[in-house]
PDB file of N, CA and C in Angstrom:
ATOM      1  N   UNK A   1      23.108 -25.242   0.902  1.00  0.00           N
ATOM      2  CA  UNK A   1      23.537 -24.587   1.892  1.00  0.00           C
ATOM      3  C   UNK A   1      24.797 -25.326   2.629  1.00  0.00           C
ATOM      4  N   UNK A   2      26.102 -24.909   2.414  1.00  0.00           N
ATOM      5  CA  UNK A   2      27.207 -25.788   3.724  1.00  0.00           C
ATOM      6  C   UNK A   2      27.679 -25.413   4.668  1.00  0.00           C
ATOM      7  N   UNK A   3      27.444 -25.730   5.732  1.00  0.00           N
ATOM      8  CA  UNK A   3      27.740 -25.561   7.004  1.00  0.00           C
ATOM      9  C   UNK A   3      29.145 -25.557   7.471  1.00  0.00           C
ATOM     10  N   UNK A   4      29.750 -24.856   8.050  1.00  0.00           N
ATOM     11  CA  UNK A   4      31.585 -25.551   8.114  1.00  0.00           C
ATOM     12  C   UNK A   4      31.487 -24.535   9.782  1.00  0.00           C
ATOM     13  N   UNK A   5      32.065 -26.093  10.183  1.00  0.00           N
ATOM     14  CA  UNK A   5      32.217 -25.897  11.901  1.00  0.00           C
ATOM     15  C   UNK A   5      33.514 -25.288  12.524  1.00  0.00           C
ATOM     16  N   UNK A   6      33.949 -24.432  13.194  1.00  0.00           N
ATOM     17  CA  UNK A   6      35.658 -23.885  13.437  1.00  0.00           C
ATOM     18  C   UNK A   6      35.419 -24.048  15.114  1.00  0.00           C
ATOM     19  N   UNK A   7      35.562 -25.220  15.465  1.00  0.00           N
ATOM     20  CA  UNK A   7      35.880 -25.170  16.765  1.00  0.00           C
ATOM     21  C   UNK A   7      36.691 -24.690  16.931  1.00  0.00           C
ATOM     22  N   UNK A   8      36.905 -24.022  18.542  1.00  0.00           N
ATOM     23  CA  UNK A   8      37.413 -22.925  18.755  1.00  0.00           C
ATOM     24  C   UNK A   8      38.037 -23.182  19.809  1.00  0.00           C
ATOM     25  N   UNK A   9      39.309 -22.906  20.205  1.00  0.00           N
ATOM     26  CA  UNK A   9      40.323 -24.137  21.345  1.00  0.00           C
ATOM     27  C   UNK A   9      39.759 -23.925  22.967  1.00  0.00           C
ATOM     28  N   UNK A  10      39.065 -22.641  22.869  1.00  0.00           N
ATOM     29  CA  UNK A  10      38.503 -22.553  24.607  1.00  0.00           C
ATOM     30  C   UNK A  10      37.345 -23.153  24.413  1.00  0.00           C
ATOM     31  N   UNK A  11      36.722 -23.624  23.195  1.00  0.00           N
ATOM     32  CA  UNK A  11      35.271 -23.310  23.361  1.00  0.00           C
ATOM     33  C   UNK A  11      34.564 -24.981  23.704  1.00  0.00           C
ATOM     34  N   UNK A  12      33.404 -25.073  24.044  1.00  0.00           N
ATOM     35  CA  UNK A  12      33.044 -26.507  24.041  1.00  0.00           C
ATOM     36  C   UNK A  12      33.349 -27.687  23.436  1.00  0.00           C
ATOM     37  N   UNK A  13      33.280 -29.130  23.390  1.00  0.00           N
ATOM     38  CA  UNK A  13      33.737 -30.170  23.374  1.00  0.00           C
ATOM     39  C   UNK A  13      32.327 -30.226  22.518  1.00  0.00           C
ATOM     40  N   UNK A  14      32.584 -30.351  21.252  1.00  0.00           N
ATOM     41  CA  UNK A  14      31.066 -30.473  20.333  1.00  0.00           C
ATOM     42  C   UNK A  14      30.701 -31.687  19.925  1.00  0.00           C
ATOM     43  N   UNK A  15      29.103 -32.245  20.214  1.00  0.00           N
ATOM     44  CA  UNK A  15      28.619 -33.425  20.370  1.00  0.00           C
ATOM     45  C   UNK A  15      27.125 -33.621  19.282  1.00  0.00           C
ATOM     46  N   UNK A  16      26.461 -34.517  19.425  1.00  0.00           N
ATOM     47  CA  UNK A  16      25.400 -34.735  18.518  1.00  0.00           C
ATOM     48  C   UNK A  16      24.091 -33.920  19.841  1.00  0.00           C
ATOM     49  N   UNK A  17      23.320 -33.537  19.035  1.00  0.00           N
ATOM     50  CA  UNK A  17      21.886 -33.167  19.907  1.00  0.00           C
ATOM     51  C   UNK A  17      22.370 -31.864  20.519  1.00  0.00           C
ATOM     52  N   UNK A  18      23.595 -30.974  20.431  1.00  0.00           N
ATOM     53  CA  UNK A  18      23.741 -29.385  20.621  1.00  0.00           C
ATOM     54  C   UNK A  18      22.966 -28.668  19.481  1.00  0.00           C
ATOM     55  N   UNK A  19      22.803 -27.238  20.402  1.00  0.00           N
ATOM     56  CA  UNK A  19      21.655 -25.974  20.016  1.00  0.00           C
ATOM     57  C   UNK A  19      22.536 -25.248  19.250  1.00  0.00           C
ATOM     58  N   UNK A  20      22.360 -24.764  18.490  1.00  0.00           N
ATOM     59  CA  UNK A  20      23.188 -23.741  17.341  1.00  0.00           C
ATOM     60  C   UNK A  20      22.281 -22.622  17.413  1.00  0.00           C
ATOM     61  N   UNK A  21      23.279 -21.194  16.964  1.00  0.00           N
ATOM     62  CA  UNK A  21      22.098 -20.233  16.371  1.00  0.00           C
ATOM     63  C   UNK A  21      22.771 -19.761  15.756  1.00  0.00           C
ATOM     64  N   UNK A  22      22.154 -20.222  13.902  1.00  0.00           N
ATOM     65  CA  UNK A  22      22.977 -19.420  12.653  1.00  0.00           C
ATOM     66  C   UNK A  22      22.193 -18.074  12.066  1.00  0.00           C
ATOM     67  N   UNK A  23      23.132 -17.795  11.572  1.00  0.00           N
ATOM     68  CA  UNK A  23      22.687 -16.389  10.782  1.00  0.00           C
ATOM     69  C   UNK A  23      23.069 -17.378   9.210  1.00  0.00           C
ATOM     70  N   UNK A  24      22.486 -16.441   8.258  1.00  0.00           N
ATOM     71  CA  UNK A  24      22.532 -16.716   6.573  1.00  0.00           C
ATOM     72  C   UNK A  24      22.130 -15.299   6.471  1.00  0.00           C
ATOM     73  N   UNK A  25      23.360 -14.911   5.633  1.00  0.00           N
ATOM     74  CA  UNK A  25      23.412 -13.698   4.833  1.00  0.00           C
ATOM     75  C   UNK A  25      23.138 -13.891   3.379  1.00  0.00           C
ATOM     76  N   UNK A  26      22.240 -13.388   2.828  1.00  0.00           N
ATOM     77  CA  UNK A  26      21.850 -14.443   0.931  1.00  0.00           C
ATOM     78  C   UNK A  26      22.297 -12.806   0.177  1.00  0.00           C
ATOM     79  N   UNK A  27      22.924 -11.778   0.905  1.00  0.00           N
ATOM     80  CA  UNK A  27      23.263 -10.885  -0.136  1.00  0.00           C
ATOM     81  C   UNK A  27      22.643 -10.202  -0.609  1.00  0.00           C
ATOM     82  N   UNK A  28      21.010 -10.782  -0.009  1.00  0.00           N
ATOM     83  CA  UNK A  28      20.072  -9.466  -1.084  1.00  0.00           C
ATOM     84  C   UNK A  28      19.505  -8.555   0.047  1.00  0.00           C
ATOM     85  N   UNK A  29      19.174  -7.107  -1.032  1.00  0.00           N
ATOM     86  CA  UNK A  29      18.861  -6.305  -0.020  1.00  0.00           C
ATOM     87  C   UNK A  29      17.493  -5.290  -0.603  1.00  0.00           C
ATOM     88  N   UNK A  30      16.650  -5.504   0.271  1.00  0.00           N
ATOM     89  CA  UNK A  30      15.489  -4.832  -0.295  1.00  0.00           C
ATOM     90  C   UNK A  30      14.991  -3.427   0.562  1.00  0.00           C
ATOM     91  N   UNK A  31      13.969  -2.609  -0.249  1.00  0.00           N
ATOM     92  CA  UNK A  31      14.321  -1.616  -0.189  1.00  0.00           C
ATOM     93  C   UNK A  31      12.524  -1.491   1.049  1.00  0.00           C
ATOM     94  N   UNK A  32      12.791  -0.106   1.369  1.00  0.00           N
ATOM     95  CA  UNK A  32      11.223   0.198   1.791  1.00  0.00           C
ATOM     96  C   UNK A  32       9.904   0.069   0.665  1.00  0.00           C
ATOM     97  N   UNK A  33      10.491   0.679  -0.454  1.00  0.00           N
ATOM     98  CA  UNK A  33       9.645   0.054  -1.732  1.00  0.00           C
ATOM     99  C   UNK A  33       9.143  -0.801  -1.781  1.00  0.00           C
ATOM    100  N   UNK A  34      10.677  -1.876  -2.032  1.00  0.00           N
ATOM    101  CA  UNK A  34      10.145  -3.060  -2.312  1.00  0.00           C
ATOM    102  C   UNK A  34       9.516  -3.596  -1.797  1.00  0.00           C
ATOM    103  N   UNK A  35       9.367  -3.761  -0.067  1.00  0.00           N
ATOM    104  CA  UNK A  35       8.799  -3.955   0.602  1.00  0.00           C
ATOM    105  C   UNK A  35       6.870  -4.111   0.278  1.00  0.00           C
ATOM    106  N   UNK A  36       7.005  -2.494   0.056  1.00  0.00           N
ATOM    107  CA  UNK A  36       5.706  -1.770   0.682  1.00  0.00           C
ATOM    108  C   UNK A  36       4.914  -2.614  -1.126  1.00  0.00           C
ATOM    109  N   UNK A  37       5.637  -2.805  -2.057  1.00  0.00           N
ATOM    110  CA  UNK A  37       4.902  -2.796  -3.606  1.00  0.00           C
ATOM    111  C   UNK A  37       4.549  -4.410  -3.246  1.00  0.00           C
ATOM    112  N   UNK A  38       5.305  -5.350  -2.337  1.00  0.00           N
ATOM    113  CA  UNK A  38       4.963  -7.250  -2.303  1.00  0.00           C
ATOM    114  C   UNK A  38       3.728  -6.510  -1.453  1.00  0.00           C
ATOM    115  N   UNK A  39       3.622  -5.804  -0.069  1.00  0.00           N
ATOM    116  CA  UNK A  39       2.345  -5.567   1.026  1.00  0.00           C
ATOM    117  C   UNK A  39       1.158  -5.662  -0.179  1.00  0.00           C
ATOM    118  N   UNK A  40       1.339  -4.399  -1.550  1.00  0.00           N
ATOM    119  CA  UNK A  40       0.319  -3.905  -1.745  1.00  0.00           C
ATOM    120  C   UNK A  40      -0.524  -5.705  -2.835  1.00  0.00           C
ATOM    121  N   UNK A  41       0.531  -5.654  -3.437  1.00  0.00           N
ATOM    122  CA  UNK A  41       0.458  -6.841  -4.512  1.00  0.00           C
ATOM    123  C   UNK A  41      -0.387  -8.506  -3.339  1.00  0.00           C
ATOM    124  N   UNK A  42       0.168  -8.623  -1.937  1.00  0.00           N
ATOM    125  CA  UNK A  42      -0.565  -9.213  -1.280  1.00  0.00           C
ATOM    126  C   UNK A  42      -1.914  -9.281  -1.476  1.00  0.00           C
ATOM    127  N   UNK A  43      -2.312  -7.714  -0.871  1.00  0.00           N
ATOM    128  CA  UNK A  43      -3.542  -7.194  -0.848  1.00  0.00           C
ATOM    129  C   UNK A  43      -4.248  -7.264  -1.876  1.00  0.00           C
ATOM    130  N   UNK A  44      -3.846  -7.126  -3.164  1.00  0.00           N
ATOM    131  CA  UNK A  44      -4.383  -6.939  -4.267  1.00  0.00           C
ATOM    132  C   UNK A  44      -4.860  -5.233  -3.961  1.00  0.00           C
ATOM    133  N   UNK A  45      -4.134  -4.501  -3.775  1.00  0.00           N
ATOM    134  CA  UNK A  45      -4.106  -3.225  -4.236  1.00  0.00           C
ATOM    135  C   UNK A  45      -3.231  -2.515  -5.228  1.00  0.00           C
ATOM    136  N   UNK A  46      -4.099  -2.040  -6.154  1.00  0.00           N
ATOM    137  CA  UNK A  46      -2.945  -1.693  -7.279  1.00  0.00           C
ATOM    138  C   UNK A  46      -1.913  -0.568  -6.804  1.00  0.00           C
ATOM    139  N   UNK A  47      -0.858  -0.782  -7.472  1.00  0.00           N
ATOM    140  CA  UNK A  47       0.266   0.251  -7.311  1.00  0.00           C
ATOM    141  C   UNK A  47       0.211   1.404  -8.199  1.00  0.00           C
ATOM    142  N   UNK A  48       0.862   2.569  -7.990  1.00  0.00           N
ATOM    143  CA  UNK A  48       1.052   3.318  -8.609  1.00  0.00           C
ATOM    144  C   UNK A  48       0.775   3.255 -10.474  1.00  0.00           C
ATOM    145  N   UNK A  49       1.930   2.626 -10.771  1.00  0.00           N
ATOM    146  CA  UNK A  49       2.146   2.624 -11.979  1.00  0.00           C
ATOM    147  C   UNK A  49       1.460   1.154 -12.150  1.00  0.00           C
ATOM    148  N   UNK A  50       0.477   0.398 -11.958  1.00  0.00           N
ATOM    149  CA  UNK A  50      -0.300  -0.154 -12.790  1.00  0.00           C
ATOM    150  C   UNK A  50      -1.491   0.182 -12.654  1.00  0.00           C
ATOM    151  N   UNK A  51      -1.792   1.430 -12.063  1.00  0.00           N
ATOM    152  CA  UNK A  51      -3.264   2.453 -11.837  1.00  0.00           C
ATOM    153  C   UNK A  51      -2.717   2.740 -13.348  1.00  0.00           C
ATOM    154  N   UNK A  52      -1.497   3.504 -13.476  1.00  0.00           N
ATOM    155  CA  UNK A  52      -1.586   4.614 -14.744  1.00  0.00           C
ATOM    156  C   UNK A  52      -1.739   3.503 -15.902  1.00  0.00           C
ATOM    157  N   UNK A  53      -1.279   2.095 -15.528  1.00  0.00           N
ATOM    158  CA  UNK A  53      -1.412   1.250 -17.278  1.00  0.00           C
ATOM    159  C   UNK A  53      -2.622   1.116 -17.555  1.00  0.00           C
ATOM    160  N   UNK A  54      -3.696   1.043 -15.973  1.00  0.00           N
ATOM    161  CA  UNK A  54      -4.703   0.179 -16.203  1.00  0.00           C
ATOM    162  C   UNK A  54      -4.673  -0.976 -15.782  1.00  0.00           C
ATOM    163  N   UNK A  55      -3.663  -1.169 -15.202  1.00  0.00           N
ATOM    164  CA  UNK A  55      -3.958  -2.635 -14.873  1.00  0.00           C
ATOM    165  C   UNK A  55      -4.413  -2.772 -13.459  1.00  0.00           C
ATOM    166  N   UNK A  56      -5.112  -4.526 -13.418  1.00  0.00           N
ATOM    167  CA  UNK A  56      -5.469  -4.647 -11.813  1.00  0.00           C
ATOM    168  C   UNK A  56      -4.734  -4.757 -10.994  1.00  0.00           C
ATOM    169  N   UNK A  57      -4.251  -4.374  -9.818  1.00  0.00           N
ATOM    170  CA  UNK A  57      -3.417  -5.239  -8.433  1.00  0.00           C
ATOM    171  C   UNK A  57      -2.089  -4.536  -8.759  1.00  0.00           C
TER     172      UNK A  57
END
């Protein structure tokens, strides 16, 4: 990860020890279905496709 600091003319002088608020956008978009599938997998609950194929979890 690379971080670039863009000083603002009216902003504070940057010094060591200052705090920062950072947002990271990975570009990944999750759907509710994918989140639910992960939860089922973590809990060991078979999903519809796994149950139809006779696979556990």
